[in-house]
Protein backbone atom coordinates (compact mmCIF):
# COMPACT_ATOMS: atom_id res chain seq x y z
CA MET A 1 0.15 0.08 -0.08
CA LEU A 2 3.02 2.25 1.04
CA ARG A 3 4.62 1.83 -2.45
CA LYS A 4 1.44 2.91 -4.41
CA PHE A 5 1.59 6.44 -2.70
CA PRO A 6 4.70 7.92 -5.10
CA TYR A 7 5.89 10.51 -2.62
CA HIS A 8 6.10 7.97 0.45
CA ILE A 9 9.91 8.80 0.91
CA GLU A 10 9.18 12.70 1.01
CA ALA A 11 6.31 11.88 3.40
CA LEU A 12 8.69 9.51 5.81
CA THR A 13 11.61 12.09 5.65
CA ALA A 14 9.18 14.82 6.99
CA LEU A 15 7.79 12.70 9.78
CA ALA A 16 11.48 11.90 10.87
CA LEU A 17 12.47 15.16 10.84
CA ILE A 18 9.45 16.43 12.92
CA ALA A 19 9.89 13.38 15.61
CA ALA A 20 13.80 13.98 15.51
CA PRO A 21 13.87 16.70 18.43
CA PHE A 22 11.31 14.58 20.41
CA VAL A 23 13.53 11.11 20.07
CA LEU A 24 16.94 12.02 19.53
CA PRO A 25 17.84 13.73 22.84
CA TYR A 26 16.98 10.55 24.56
CA LEU A 27 19.65 8.83 22.31
CA GLY A 28 22.39 11.29 23.47
CA PHE A 29 22.39 13.50 20.63
CA SER A 30 22.57 17.44 21.11
CA PRO A 31 20.97 19.69 19.26
CA ASP A 32 24.12 21.24 17.85
CA THR A 33 25.26 17.55 16.86
CA VAL A 34 21.82 16.98 15.10
CA ASN A 35 22.36 20.26 13.33
CA ARG A 36 25.77 19.25 12.17
CA ILE A 37 24.79 15.97 11.00
CA LEU A 38 21.93 17.81 8.70
CA VAL A 39 24.55 19.99 7.16
CA TRP A 40 26.70 17.04 6.60
CA GLY A 41 23.64 15.22 5.01
CA LEU A 42 22.87 18.04 2.87
CA PHE A 43 26.46 18.41 1.70
CA GLY A 44 26.72 14.81 0.87
CA ILE A 45 23.33 14.68 -1.10
CA GLY A 46 25.29 16.49 -3.76
CA PHE A 47 28.40 14.07 -3.55
CA ASP A 48 26.08 11.15 -3.63
CA ILE A 49 24.37 12.54 -6.73
CA LEU A 50 27.96 12.72 -8.38
CA PHE A 51 29.59 9.64 -6.77
CA GLY A 52 26.75 7.24 -5.81
CA PHE A 53 24.63 7.98 -8.95
CA THR A 54 26.97 8.89 -11.73
CA GLY A 55 30.23 7.10 -10.63
CA LEU A 56 32.64 10.20 -10.47
CA LEU A 57 34.74 10.03 -7.09
CA SER A 58 35.86 13.49 -6.39
CA PHE A 59 37.80 14.41 -3.28
CA GLY A 60 37.53 18.40 -3.95
CA GLN A 61 33.99 18.86 -2.77
CA SER A 62 35.44 21.19 0.14
CA ALA A 63 36.46 23.70 -2.37
CA PHE A 64 32.75 24.20 -3.28
CA TYR A 65 31.98 23.72 0.56
CA GLY A 66 34.23 26.60 1.39
CA THR A 67 33.26 28.77 -1.72
CA GLY A 68 29.70 28.73 -0.90
CA GLY A 69 29.94 29.18 2.84
CA PHE A 70 32.59 32.20 2.48
CA VAL A 71 30.74 34.07 -0.02
CA ALA A 72 27.60 33.74 2.24
CA ALA A 73 29.40 34.80 5.18
CA TYR A 74 31.39 37.59 3.34
CA LEU A 75 27.96 39.03 2.17
CA LEU A 76 26.58 38.74 5.76
CA THR A 77 29.54 40.24 7.67
CA ARG A 78 31.55 42.44 5.74
CA MET A 79 28.87 43.73 3.21
CA GLY A 80 26.05 44.12 5.67
CA PHE A 81 23.61 41.88 3.51
CA PRO A 82 20.41 41.75 5.43
CA ASN A 83 18.79 38.57 4.22
CA VAL A 84 20.45 35.42 5.41
CA VAL A 85 18.51 32.88 3.14
CA LEU A 86 19.43 35.04 -0.28
CA ALA A 87 23.18 35.33 0.89
CA LEU A 88 22.88 31.52 1.13
CA ILE A 89 21.45 31.20 -2.36
CA VAL A 90 23.95 33.59 -3.65
CA GLY A 91 26.56 31.41 -2.14
CA MET A 92 25.17 28.22 -3.56
CA VAL A 93 25.00 29.83 -6.93
CA VAL A 94 28.57 31.05 -6.86
CA ALA A 95 29.70 27.53 -5.84
CA ALA A 96 27.72 26.01 -8.77
CA VAL A 97 29.40 28.60 -11.26
CA VAL A 98 32.95 27.58 -9.64
CA GLY A 99 31.90 23.96 -10.29
CA TYR A 100 30.92 24.54 -13.73
CA LEU A 101 34.43 25.98 -14.85
CA ILE A 102 36.29 23.46 -12.79
CA GLY A 103 34.26 20.60 -14.23
CA LEU A 104 35.23 21.94 -17.68
CA ILE A 105 38.77 21.20 -16.79
CA ALA A 106 38.36 18.02 -14.31
CA LEU A 107 36.06 16.01 -16.52
CA ARG A 108 38.72 16.01 -19.51
CA ARG A 109 39.93 12.65 -17.52
CA THR A 110 38.10 9.69 -16.11
CA GLY A 111 38.76 7.41 -13.18
CA ILE A 112 41.81 7.91 -10.87
CA TYR A 113 43.05 10.92 -12.91
CA PHE A 114 39.90 12.75 -12.54
CA ALA A 115 39.87 12.03 -8.67
CA MET A 116 43.47 13.31 -8.48
CA ILE A 117 42.45 16.58 -10.27
CA THR A 118 39.70 17.17 -7.65
CA VAL A 119 42.39 16.74 -4.93
CA ALA A 120 44.69 19.19 -6.70
CA ILE A 121 41.68 21.69 -6.91
CA ALA A 122 41.13 21.25 -3.11
CA GLU A 123 44.63 22.07 -2.14
CA VAL A 124 44.51 25.11 -4.43
CA PHE A 125 41.66 26.75 -2.95
CA TYR A 126 42.84 25.84 0.47
CA PHE A 127 46.01 27.93 -0.44
CA VAL A 128 44.22 30.62 -2.22
CA GLU A 129 41.91 31.14 1.15
CA PHE A 130 44.61 31.30 3.33
CA ASN A 131 46.98 33.45 1.21
CA PRO A 132 46.01 35.77 -1.88
CA LEU A 133 42.42 35.94 -0.50
CA SER A 134 43.06 36.31 3.21
CA ALA A 135 41.75 39.92 3.28
CA TRP A 136 38.50 38.73 2.29
CA THR A 137 38.21 35.19 4.05
CA GLY A 138 40.05 36.35 7.29
CA GLY A 139 42.59 33.54 6.50
CA GLU A 140 43.32 31.45 9.16
CA ASN A 141 40.76 33.43 11.60
CA GLY A 142 37.64 33.01 9.30
CA LEU A 143 34.61 35.10 9.25
CA PRO A 144 33.14 35.45 12.70
CA GLY A 145 29.92 37.28 13.45
CA VAL A 146 27.61 35.31 10.82
CA PRO A 147 23.86 36.43 11.93
CA MET A 148 21.23 33.82 12.42
CA PRO A 149 18.40 33.81 10.01
CA VAL A 150 15.17 35.97 10.31
CA ILE A 151 12.24 35.30 8.00
CA ASP A 152 9.68 37.98 7.61
CA LEU A 153 6.93 37.36 5.06
CA GLY A 154 4.78 40.14 6.39
CA PHE A 155 1.90 37.76 8.07
CA ILE A 156 4.73 35.88 9.91
CA HIS A 157 8.02 36.89 11.44
CA LEU A 158 10.47 34.05 12.39
CA GLU A 159 13.73 34.77 14.37
CA PHE A 160 15.99 31.41 14.63
CA SER A 161 18.58 31.03 17.55
CA ALA A 162 20.97 28.38 18.46
CA GLY A 163 20.06 24.88 19.73
CA TRP A 164 16.67 23.33 18.52
CA SER A 165 15.46 26.62 17.34
CA LEU A 166 17.91 26.75 14.50
CA TYR A 167 17.15 22.90 13.92
CA GLN A 168 13.69 23.72 12.35
CA PHE A 169 15.48 26.24 9.89
CA ILE A 170 18.12 23.68 9.12
CA ALA A 171 15.57 20.73 8.78
CA VAL A 172 13.33 22.63 6.41
CA CYS A 173 16.82 23.31 4.22
CA TYR A 174 17.53 19.85 4.33
CA PHE A 175 13.93 18.44 3.49
CA ILE A 176 13.81 20.99 0.24
CA GLY A 177 17.34 19.48 -0.65
CA ILE A 178 16.28 15.91 -0.36
CA VAL A 179 13.07 16.65 -2.14
CA ILE A 180 15.06 18.42 -5.29
CA ALA A 181 17.54 15.26 -4.98
CA LEU A 182 14.68 12.88 -5.23
CA ARG A 183 13.20 14.85 -8.18
CA ILE A 184 16.64 14.58 -9.93
CA VAL A 185 17.26 10.77 -9.62
CA ARG A 186 13.72 9.94 -10.62
CA SER A 187 14.00 12.24 -13.82
CA PRO A 188 15.38 11.12 -17.47
CA VAL A 189 18.67 12.91 -16.04
CA GLY A 190 18.76 10.85 -13.03
CA ALA A 191 18.31 7.79 -15.37
CA ILE A 192 21.27 8.79 -17.62
CA PHE A 193 23.66 9.31 -14.50
CA ARG A 194 22.85 5.62 -13.65
CA ALA A 195 23.78 4.63 -17.17
CA ILE A 196 26.97 6.70 -16.85
CA ARG A 197 28.05 4.87 -13.48
CA GLU A 198 27.33 1.55 -15.20
CA ASN A 199 28.59 1.85 -18.69
CA PRO A 200 29.59 5.17 -20.02
CA VAL A 201 30.70 3.82 -23.20
CA ARG A 202 27.38 2.33 -23.92
CA ALA A 203 25.49 5.46 -22.71
CA ALA A 204 27.47 7.26 -25.52
CA ALA A 205 26.87 4.70 -28.04
CA VAL A 206 22.85 4.83 -27.62
CA GLY A 207 23.02 8.90 -28.19
CA HIS A 208 23.52 10.29 -25.01
CA ASN A 209 26.02 13.35 -24.36
CA ILE A 210 27.94 12.01 -21.33
CA HIS A 211 30.36 14.67 -20.68
CA GLY A 212 27.19 17.17 -20.62
CA TYR A 213 25.64 15.05 -18.14
CA LYS A 214 28.82 14.52 -16.18
CA LEU A 215 29.23 18.23 -16.10
CA THR A 216 25.66 18.52 -14.96
CA ALA A 217 26.13 16.31 -11.97
CA PHE A 218 29.38 18.02 -10.93
CA VAL A 219 27.45 21.33 -10.81
CA VAL A 220 24.78 19.92 -8.90
CA ALA A 221 27.05 18.50 -6.34
CA ALA A 222 28.79 22.04 -6.24
CA ALA A 223 25.59 23.72 -5.75
CA TYR A 224 24.62 21.29 -2.82
CA ALA A 225 28.12 22.11 -1.29
CA GLY A 226 27.88 25.53 -1.51
CA PHE A 227 24.58 25.70 0.40
CA ALA A 228 25.70 23.20 2.99
CA GLY A 229 28.92 25.42 3.40
CA GLY A 230 26.78 28.47 4.15
CA LEU A 231 24.48 26.64 6.34
CA LEU A 232 27.67 25.88 8.35
CA GLY A 233 28.66 29.68 8.89
CA VAL A 234 25.25 30.15 10.30
CA MET A 235 25.01 27.15 12.50
CA GLN A 236 28.44 28.28 14.09
CA ALA A 237 28.19 32.06 13.83
CA PHE A 238 31.65 31.58 12.29
CA MET A 239 32.75 30.84 9.18
CA PRO A 240 35.96 28.49 9.79
CA PRO A 241 38.68 28.12 7.47
CA ASP A 242 39.01 24.40 7.75
CA ALA A 243 35.82 24.04 5.47
CA PHE A 244 38.68 24.29 2.64
CA THR A 245 40.58 21.43 3.90
CA PHE A 246 41.09 18.03 2.26
CA ASP A 247 40.06 16.46 5.52
CA THR A 248 36.76 17.84 4.73
CA SER A 249 36.53 16.13 1.53
CA GLY A 250 37.95 12.98 3.11
CA GLN A 251 35.37 13.03 5.80
CA LEU A 252 32.26 13.50 3.23
CA VAL A 253 33.71 10.34 1.35
CA MET A 254 33.91 8.27 4.53
CA MET A 255 30.58 9.38 5.69
CA THR A 256 28.77 8.59 2.30
CA ALA A 257 30.41 5.09 2.30
CA ILE A 258 29.49 4.04 5.80
CA GLY A 259 25.91 5.30 5.25
CA GLY A 260 25.48 3.89 1.75
CA THR A 261 26.32 5.18 -1.95
CA GLY A 262 23.43 5.54 -4.43
CA THR A 263 20.91 6.30 -1.59
CA LEU A 264 20.99 10.38 -0.95
CA PHE A 265 20.51 9.15 2.63
CA GLY A 266 23.52 7.60 3.29
CA PRO A 267 25.57 10.56 3.88
CA LEU A 268 22.99 11.68 6.51
CA LEU A 269 23.09 8.04 8.31
CA GLY A 270 26.98 8.06 7.95
CA ALA A 271 27.30 11.29 9.43
CA ALA A 272 24.96 10.39 12.37
CA LEU A 273 27.07 7.83 13.08
CA TRP A 274 30.33 9.51 12.57
CA LEU A 275 29.59 12.34 14.65
CA TYR A 276 27.81 10.48 17.48
CA LEU A 277 30.92 8.25 17.97
CA GLN A 278 33.31 11.10 17.47
CA ASP A 279 31.50 12.97 20.21
CA PHE A 280 31.08 9.74 22.48
CA LEU A 281 35.06 8.80 22.09
CA GLN A 282 36.05 12.16 22.92
CA ALA A 283 33.65 13.21 25.78
CA ALA A 284 32.58 9.77 27.65
CA LEU A 285 35.71 7.82 26.99
CA GLY A 286 38.23 10.75 27.12
CA LEU A 287 40.40 9.67 24.17
CA GLY A 288 41.19 13.12 23.11
CA ALA A 289 42.81 12.79 19.74
CA THR A 290 42.88 9.09 19.52
CA TRP A 291 39.30 8.92 18.50
CA ARG A 292 40.50 9.40 15.15
CA LEU A 293 42.25 6.07 15.27
CA VAL A 294 39.18 4.33 17.06
CA LEU A 295 36.61 5.79 14.12
CA GLY A 296 39.35 4.64 11.45
CA VAL A 297 39.20 1.40 12.67
CA VAL A 298 35.50 1.24 12.77
CA PHE A 299 35.39 2.73 9.19
CA VAL A 300 37.45 -0.07 8.05
CA LEU A 301 35.19 -2.90 9.52
CA LEU A 302 31.98 -1.23 8.37
CA VAL A 303 33.46 -1.13 4.59
CA ILE A 304 34.68 -4.67 4.95
CA LEU A 305 31.47 -6.13 6.46
CA LEU A 306 29.04 -3.82 4.69
CA ARG A 307 30.44 -3.24 1.17
CA ARG A 308 27.16 -1.32 0.18
CA GLY A 309 27.04 0.87 3.51
CA ILE A 310 24.77 0.60 6.23
CA ILE A 311 21.43 1.18 3.96
CA GLY A 312 22.67 -1.33 1.51
CA GLY A 313 23.10 -3.84 4.08
CA LEU A 314 19.56 -3.54 5.40
CA VAL A 315 18.29 -3.76 1.78
CA ASP A 316 20.18 -7.06 1.62
CA LEU A 317 18.86 -8.12 4.96
CA TYR A 318 15.60 -7.31 4.02
CA HIS A 319 15.78 -9.07 0.81
CA LEU A 320 17.03 -12.27 2.49
CA VAL A 321 14.24 -12.40 5.36
CA ARG A 322 11.31 -11.36 3.25
CA PRO A 323 10.06 -14.05 0.79
CA GLY A 324 9.50 -12.77 -2.67
CA ALA A 325 11.37 -9.43 -2.04
CA VAL A 326 13.80 -10.33 -4.81
CA VAL A 327 12.17 -10.74 -8.28
CA ASP A 328 12.85 -14.21 -9.59
CA GLN A 329 11.11 -15.02 -12.80
CA ALA A 330 11.92 -18.17 -15.00
CA PRO A 331 13.58 -17.17 -17.99
CA SER A 332 11.23 -16.86 -20.99
CA GLU A 333 11.86 -19.62 -23.66
CA THR A 334 9.82 -18.36 -26.37
CA ALA A 335 10.60 -16.25 -29.33
CA PRO A 336 8.24 -13.36 -30.18
CA ALA A 337 5.63 -14.41 -32.47
CA THR A 338 5.57 -11.47 -34.56
CA ALA A 339 9.04 -12.09 -35.93
CA ILE A 340 7.82 -14.96 -37.69
CA THR A 341 4.84 -13.64 -39.66
CA ALA A 342 6.37 -10.25 -40.76
CA HIS A 343 6.84 -9.50 -44.42
CA ARG A 344 9.89 -7.60 -45.31
CA PRO A 345 9.76 -5.32 -48.58
CA PRO A 346 12.69 -5.77 -51.05
CA PRO A 347 15.73 -3.24 -50.58
CA HIS A 348 15.51 0.06 -52.68
CA PRO A 349 18.05 -0.31 -55.33
CA ASP A 350 18.26 3.89 -55.99
CA ARG A 351 18.71 4.93 -52.46
CA ILE A 352 22.10 4.48 -50.49
CA ALA A 353 21.87 3.84 -46.98
CA ILE A 354 25.81 3.41 -46.23
CA GLU A 355 28.62 4.36 -48.31
CA THR A 356 32.42 4.28 -47.78
CA ARG A 357 35.05 5.44 -50.15
CA GLY A 358 38.65 4.29 -49.83
CA LEU A 359 38.03 3.88 -45.96
CA GLY A 360 41.50 2.83 -44.13
CA LYS A 361 42.64 2.47 -40.43
CA ARG A 362 46.14 2.07 -39.48
CA PHE A 363 47.47 1.31 -35.93
CA GLY A 364 51.12 2.59 -36.41
CA GLY A 365 52.54 -0.05 -38.89
CA ILE A 366 49.76 -2.22 -38.53
CA VAL A 367 46.95 -2.14 -41.11
CA ALA A 368 43.45 -3.02 -40.14
CA ASN A 369 41.26 -1.72 -43.15
CA GLU A 370 42.63 -0.31 -46.28
CA ASP A 371 40.96 1.06 -49.42
CA VAL A 372 37.43 -0.62 -48.24
CA ASN A 373 34.95 0.54 -50.85
CA PHE A 374 31.52 -0.50 -49.25
CA ARG A 375 28.02 0.24 -50.42
CA VAL A 376 24.78 -0.66 -48.82
CA HIS A 377 21.06 0.14 -50.25
CA GLU A 378 18.35 1.19 -48.12
CA GLY A 379 16.38 -1.49 -46.87
CA GLU A 380 18.93 -4.15 -47.39
CA ILE A 381 20.20 -6.83 -45.28
CA ARG A 382 23.81 -7.14 -45.86
CA GLY A 383 25.93 -9.99 -44.24
CA LEU A 384 29.68 -9.11 -43.45
CA ILE A 385 31.97 -12.11 -43.17
CA GLY A 386 35.90 -12.86 -43.02
CA PRO A 387 38.37 -14.68 -40.74
CA ASN A 388 39.84 -13.61 -37.56
CA GLY A 389 41.84 -10.61 -37.88
CA ALA A 390 40.06 -9.76 -41.12
CA GLY A 391 39.16 -6.02 -39.94
CA LYS A 392 35.33 -6.58 -39.33
CA SER A 393 35.00 -4.90 -35.92
CA THR A 394 37.48 -2.16 -36.83
CA PHE A 395 35.27 -1.55 -39.81
CA PHE A 396 32.16 -1.44 -37.37
CA LYS A 397 33.73 0.83 -35.31
CA MET A 398 34.61 3.57 -38.01
CA LEU A 399 30.98 3.19 -39.23
CA THR A 400 29.50 3.91 -35.85
CA GLY A 401 31.89 6.94 -34.84
CA GLU A 402 33.75 4.99 -32.05
CA MET A 403 36.60 4.90 -33.92
CA ARG A 404 37.99 7.63 -36.42
CA PRO A 405 39.44 6.33 -39.83
CA SER A 406 43.11 7.29 -41.00
CA SER A 407 41.86 7.87 -44.54
CA GLY A 408 38.82 7.91 -46.61
CA GLN A 409 34.83 8.93 -46.24
CA ILE A 410 31.96 7.58 -44.64
CA PHE A 411 28.44 8.53 -45.46
CA MET A 412 25.26 7.70 -44.05
CA PHE A 413 22.05 8.55 -46.14
CA GLY A 414 24.40 11.08 -48.07
CA HIS A 415 25.69 12.66 -44.66
CA ASP A 416 29.38 12.81 -44.21
CA THR A 417 29.91 11.16 -40.90
CA THR A 418 33.67 10.32 -41.23
CA HIS A 419 34.62 12.76 -38.22
CA LEU A 420 31.68 12.75 -36.21
CA GLY A 421 31.54 10.66 -32.78
CA VAL A 422 29.38 7.97 -31.80
CA THR A 423 26.86 9.95 -30.07
CA ALA A 424 26.12 12.12 -33.13
CA VAL A 425 26.28 9.17 -35.77
CA CYS A 426 23.53 7.44 -33.57
CA HIS A 427 21.28 10.70 -33.89
CA LEU A 428 21.49 10.44 -37.49
CA GLY A 429 20.01 7.04 -37.29
CA VAL A 430 22.79 4.55 -36.71
CA ALA A 431 22.92 1.95 -33.88
CA LYS A 432 24.88 -1.02 -33.23
CA SER A 433 24.71 -4.19 -30.99
CA TYR A 434 28.09 -5.42 -29.51
CA GLN A 435 29.64 -8.64 -30.11
CA ILE A 436 30.30 -8.78 -26.10
CA ASN A 437 27.35 -7.55 -24.38
CA GLN A 438 27.57 -3.90 -23.22
CA LEU A 439 24.61 -3.64 -20.81
CA PHE A 440 23.81 -1.68 -17.72
CA ASN A 441 24.27 -4.77 -15.71
CA LYS A 442 22.87 -3.64 -12.41
CA LEU A 443 19.66 -2.06 -13.71
CA THR A 444 16.79 -3.73 -14.67
CA VAL A 445 15.59 -4.81 -18.28
CA ARG A 446 13.10 -2.01 -18.44
CA GLN A 447 15.86 0.55 -17.10
CA ASN A 448 18.03 -0.57 -19.64
CA LEU A 449 15.56 0.16 -22.48
CA THR A 450 14.49 3.28 -20.90
CA ILE A 451 18.03 4.73 -21.22
CA SER A 452 18.04 3.87 -25.15
CA ALA A 453 14.43 5.15 -25.69
CA LEU A 454 15.36 8.46 -23.88
CA SER A 455 17.99 9.38 -26.40
CA ARG A 456 15.19 9.13 -29.29
CA ALA A 457 12.81 11.13 -27.09
CA ARG A 458 15.16 14.02 -25.78
CA GLY A 459 18.25 14.05 -28.18
CA GLU A 460 21.95 13.99 -26.87
CA TYR A 461 21.34 16.41 -23.88
CA ARG A 462 18.50 17.97 -21.81
CA PRO A 463 18.66 18.78 -18.53
CA ASP A 464 15.08 18.15 -17.52
CA MET A 465 15.99 17.20 -14.01
CA LEU A 466 12.59 17.92 -12.52
CA ARG A 467 10.61 15.48 -14.86
CA ASP A 468 9.52 12.34 -13.46
CA VAL A 469 10.44 9.83 -16.19
CA ARG A 470 7.80 7.23 -14.88
CA ASN A 471 5.19 9.90 -15.95
CA MET A 472 6.50 9.95 -19.61
CA SER A 473 3.67 7.92 -21.05
CA GLU A 474 4.53 7.87 -24.71
CA LEU A 475 8.39 6.81 -23.80
CA ASN A 476 7.07 4.03 -21.25
CA ALA A 477 4.65 2.68 -24.10
CA ASP A 478 7.55 2.46 -26.36
CA VAL A 479 9.66 0.66 -23.91
CA ASP A 480 6.76 -1.89 -23.32
CA GLU A 481 6.48 -2.50 -26.95
CA THR A 482 10.39 -3.25 -27.19
CA LEU A 483 9.81 -5.50 -24.33
CA LYS A 484 7.04 -7.34 -26.03
CA MET A 485 9.10 -7.46 -29.50
CA LEU A 486 12.01 -9.02 -27.52
CA ASP A 487 9.91 -11.36 -25.59
CA LEU A 488 11.21 -9.99 -22.16
CA THR A 489 8.11 -8.37 -20.66
CA ALA A 490 7.83 -11.06 -17.88
CA ARG A 491 11.37 -10.08 -17.25
CA ALA A 492 11.17 -6.53 -17.27
CA ASP A 493 11.79 -5.71 -13.67
CA VAL A 494 14.70 -8.10 -13.30
CA PRO A 495 18.40 -7.00 -13.05
CA VAL A 496 20.20 -7.53 -16.25
CA SER A 497 22.56 -9.74 -14.00
CA GLN A 498 20.30 -12.38 -13.39
CA LEU A 499 19.05 -12.80 -17.19
CA ALA A 500 20.03 -15.98 -18.96
CA TYR A 501 22.50 -15.32 -21.87
CA GLY A 502 20.10 -15.62 -24.59
CA GLU A 503 18.11 -13.10 -22.86
CA LYS A 504 21.07 -10.79 -22.63
CA ARG A 505 21.97 -11.02 -26.21
CA ARG A 506 17.99 -10.21 -27.10
CA LEU A 507 18.34 -7.14 -24.67
CA GLU A 508 21.92 -6.22 -26.68
CA ILE A 509 19.85 -6.04 -29.59
CA GLY A 510 17.07 -4.10 -27.59
CA LEU A 511 19.34 -1.45 -26.69
CA ALA A 512 20.10 -0.78 -30.12
CA LEU A 513 16.66 -0.87 -31.27
CA GLY A 514 15.67 1.55 -28.57
CA THR A 515 17.11 4.49 -30.38
CA ASP A 516 14.75 3.46 -33.41
CA PRO A 517 17.48 3.42 -35.80
CA LYS A 518 17.48 3.49 -39.71
CA ILE A 519 20.40 1.30 -39.95
CA LEU A 520 21.07 -1.44 -37.44
CA LEU A 521 24.66 -2.83 -37.24
CA LEU A 522 24.67 -6.30 -35.45
CA ASP A 523 28.14 -7.63 -34.28
CA GLU A 524 27.81 -11.42 -33.85
CA PRO A 525 24.12 -11.18 -32.60
CA LEU A 526 23.86 -15.22 -32.55
CA ALA A 527 27.38 -15.98 -30.70
CA GLY A 528 26.87 -18.14 -27.88
CA MET A 529 23.11 -18.98 -28.56
CA SER A 530 21.66 -22.61 -28.61
CA PRO A 531 20.43 -23.68 -32.03
CA GLN A 532 16.67 -22.90 -31.23
CA GLU A 533 17.80 -19.29 -30.07
CA ARG A 534 19.38 -18.99 -33.22
CA THR A 535 16.50 -19.58 -35.21
CA ASP A 536 14.45 -17.47 -33.14
CA THR A 537 16.74 -14.74 -33.50
CA VAL A 538 17.13 -14.94 -36.89
CA ALA A 539 13.42 -14.33 -37.16
CA LEU A 540 13.37 -11.57 -34.87
CA LEU A 541 16.24 -9.89 -37.12
CA LYS A 542 14.01 -10.30 -40.35
CA HIS A 543 11.45 -8.57 -38.45
CA LEU A 544 13.51 -5.69 -37.11
CA ALA A 545 14.56 -5.29 -40.77
CA ILE A 546 11.31 -4.07 -41.96
CA GLY A 547 11.77 -0.42 -42.80
CA ARG A 548 15.44 -0.58 -41.84
CA THR A 549 19.00 -1.44 -43.24
CA LEU A 550 20.77 -4.13 -41.39
CA VAL A 551 24.71 -5.04 -41.70
CA VAL A 552 25.31 -8.17 -39.71
CA VAL A 553 28.40 -9.83 -38.98
CA GLU A 554 28.41 -13.49 -38.15
CA HIS A 555 29.99 -16.66 -38.19
CA ASP A 556 27.09 -18.99 -38.32
CA MET A 557 27.05 -19.07 -42.07
CA ASP A 558 23.90 -21.06 -42.44
CA ALA A 559 21.98 -18.34 -40.35
CA LEU A 560 23.73 -15.46 -42.36
CA PHE A 561 23.26 -16.86 -45.65
CA ASN A 562 19.65 -17.78 -45.20
CA MET A 563 19.04 -14.21 -43.91
CA ALA A 564 21.07 -11.80 -46.07
CA ASP A 565 20.35 -10.41 -49.33
CA GLN A 566 23.93 -9.41 -50.21
CA ILE A 567 27.19 -10.51 -48.55
CA THR A 568 30.66 -8.75 -48.26
CA VAL A 569 33.72 -10.69 -47.63
CA LEU A 570 36.58 -8.95 -45.83
CA SER A 571 40.02 -10.34 -45.92
CA GLN A 572 43.09 -8.84 -44.42
CA GLY A 573 41.19 -5.43 -44.10
CA ARG A 574 40.25 -5.47 -47.71
CA ILE A 575 36.94 -6.46 -49.51
CA LEU A 576 37.66 -9.83 -51.28
CA ALA A 577 34.40 -10.47 -52.59
CA GLU A 578 30.66 -9.27 -52.88
CA GLY A 579 27.49 -10.62 -54.14
CA THR A 580 24.33 -12.85 -53.10
CA PRO A 581 24.75 -15.60 -50.80
CA ALA A 582 24.84 -18.06 -53.82
CA GLN A 583 27.73 -16.34 -55.47
CA VAL A 584 29.86 -15.91 -52.51
CA GLN A 585 29.34 -19.65 -51.60
CA LYS A 586 30.65 -20.55 -55.07
CA SER A 587 33.64 -18.13 -55.17
CA PRO A 588 37.04 -19.88 -55.16
CA ALA A 589 38.55 -16.75 -53.91
CA VAL A 590 36.45 -16.83 -50.90
CA GLN A 591 36.80 -20.68 -50.46
CA ASP A 592 40.39 -20.32 -50.21
CA ALA A 593 40.55 -17.31 -47.93
CA TYR A 594 37.61 -18.02 -45.66
CA LEU A 595 36.44 -21.46 -45.90
CA GLY A 596 39.94 -23.39 -45.80
CA GLY A 597 40.21 -24.19 -49.61
CA VAL A 598 37.12 -26.38 -49.57
CA HIS A 599 35.66 -26.19 -53.08
CA GLU A 600 32.20 -27.52 -54.13
């Protein structure tokens, strides 16, 4: 019943925030500690969107935390700014702008190199705050005298002071922050964030501008950090210089890991445990500075025992003890009936879908393809065969924009795509299924197909972060239709990691199909399938060829010759022969080069 209410998480969060002042004091939490937890929790929401949902580990969030905090504090203490809330918003906007500029630099690299760039950024900001800008930031003294918020709406006048009074203001800020974050992760942008975390290569291949979305996540995280930094100054009536330190970023990472990444609430829970233990170890046990050692051991144990954090561990426990909590439907065994009954019109002899002129690719002294002149008519099923090392995969990568050719030109429907990237080529109507499955393995089947369909519906990039993807009825109808075509409807809400191999191969085709391509490139779609699965998939491919042009690389000669209108044979990077399946079968050159010299 609770799940049918779409905003139950928001409602439970509001109830928890209302109940906290009445419950937490009995558990040993002081109001100051609770306020600090909320500030860290708000800080961590943005970081979790960046790391937990998008997969970008940043150690430089303290730069934006300090920037937003010091801008707000400077306005309130040095400039006499009268409105605390407006000053917090200005600090947040400045932090977001700085995040955008830094993101343009940092996101040029990925993985550990991106993380190291963010470490350097944090150190640069710390140095700048203490030296060149010390006249504005107060240097090691910080900015004292940050006022408490006052809200005057005419019909109501609210003045907040320290303790539980200020808690009300910070709790409202946290609630607004979590509501916005939930809207973001439920939006099309949130779905693409997850796709980038799971498989950025495939996210780009189905038509998403992953650099644009990574930059969006980076700016969102910077904005949350900036607002939280402003709240820190308000809470302490003093903006401390240690907001810029690397230690601040490190604590944020550890709190999020303890609570659970990809949950939004993980940083809040991690901060609660972290700060409670910090106060307990220092005050109750009198450990002094030794508390860091003890807390470090606790952190290591939690990471080892609960790899997905506390919330992830609770979810796993829930699935373990509750029967039926994990969807475990039986694999489907039948192929879509629509694939067998469809009638495909003949190719258009006067319309060229794909053309390459003198196409070549070299890797140093190694020639993968050379002088490939290739032409496929619209509506045709073209088979592409050749021995291992013939250059088929490299040729496919050049057609899709994954790899730039060393020479020659590529045309799709008359458009020169030689120097276009994979995302731009996808939006010209070209899609590819991979020889080795490139799926979003931790997402469900439906989520996989939704990510592909979003590209067709929204283009390369659209920052519609407050739109709920569940309410996009036309897109969801398209996904349902694709599920039916692939015979995966019964498996729609199953994680991809639980699918049988044949189902994964069909889903691999479905991801390419989701962009509604005019040209579909299939790299060994029958690889690893049973004989019955091969027969069913051939029928599916014939159905998919209605209104589309297909180019198929396949080693199953019987299946390919039964399906294709024309066959092209590659050998040593060049075209050896072209013709109908019957002509290719009878070619002595093909038999010598590919079939081992076995003549008819």
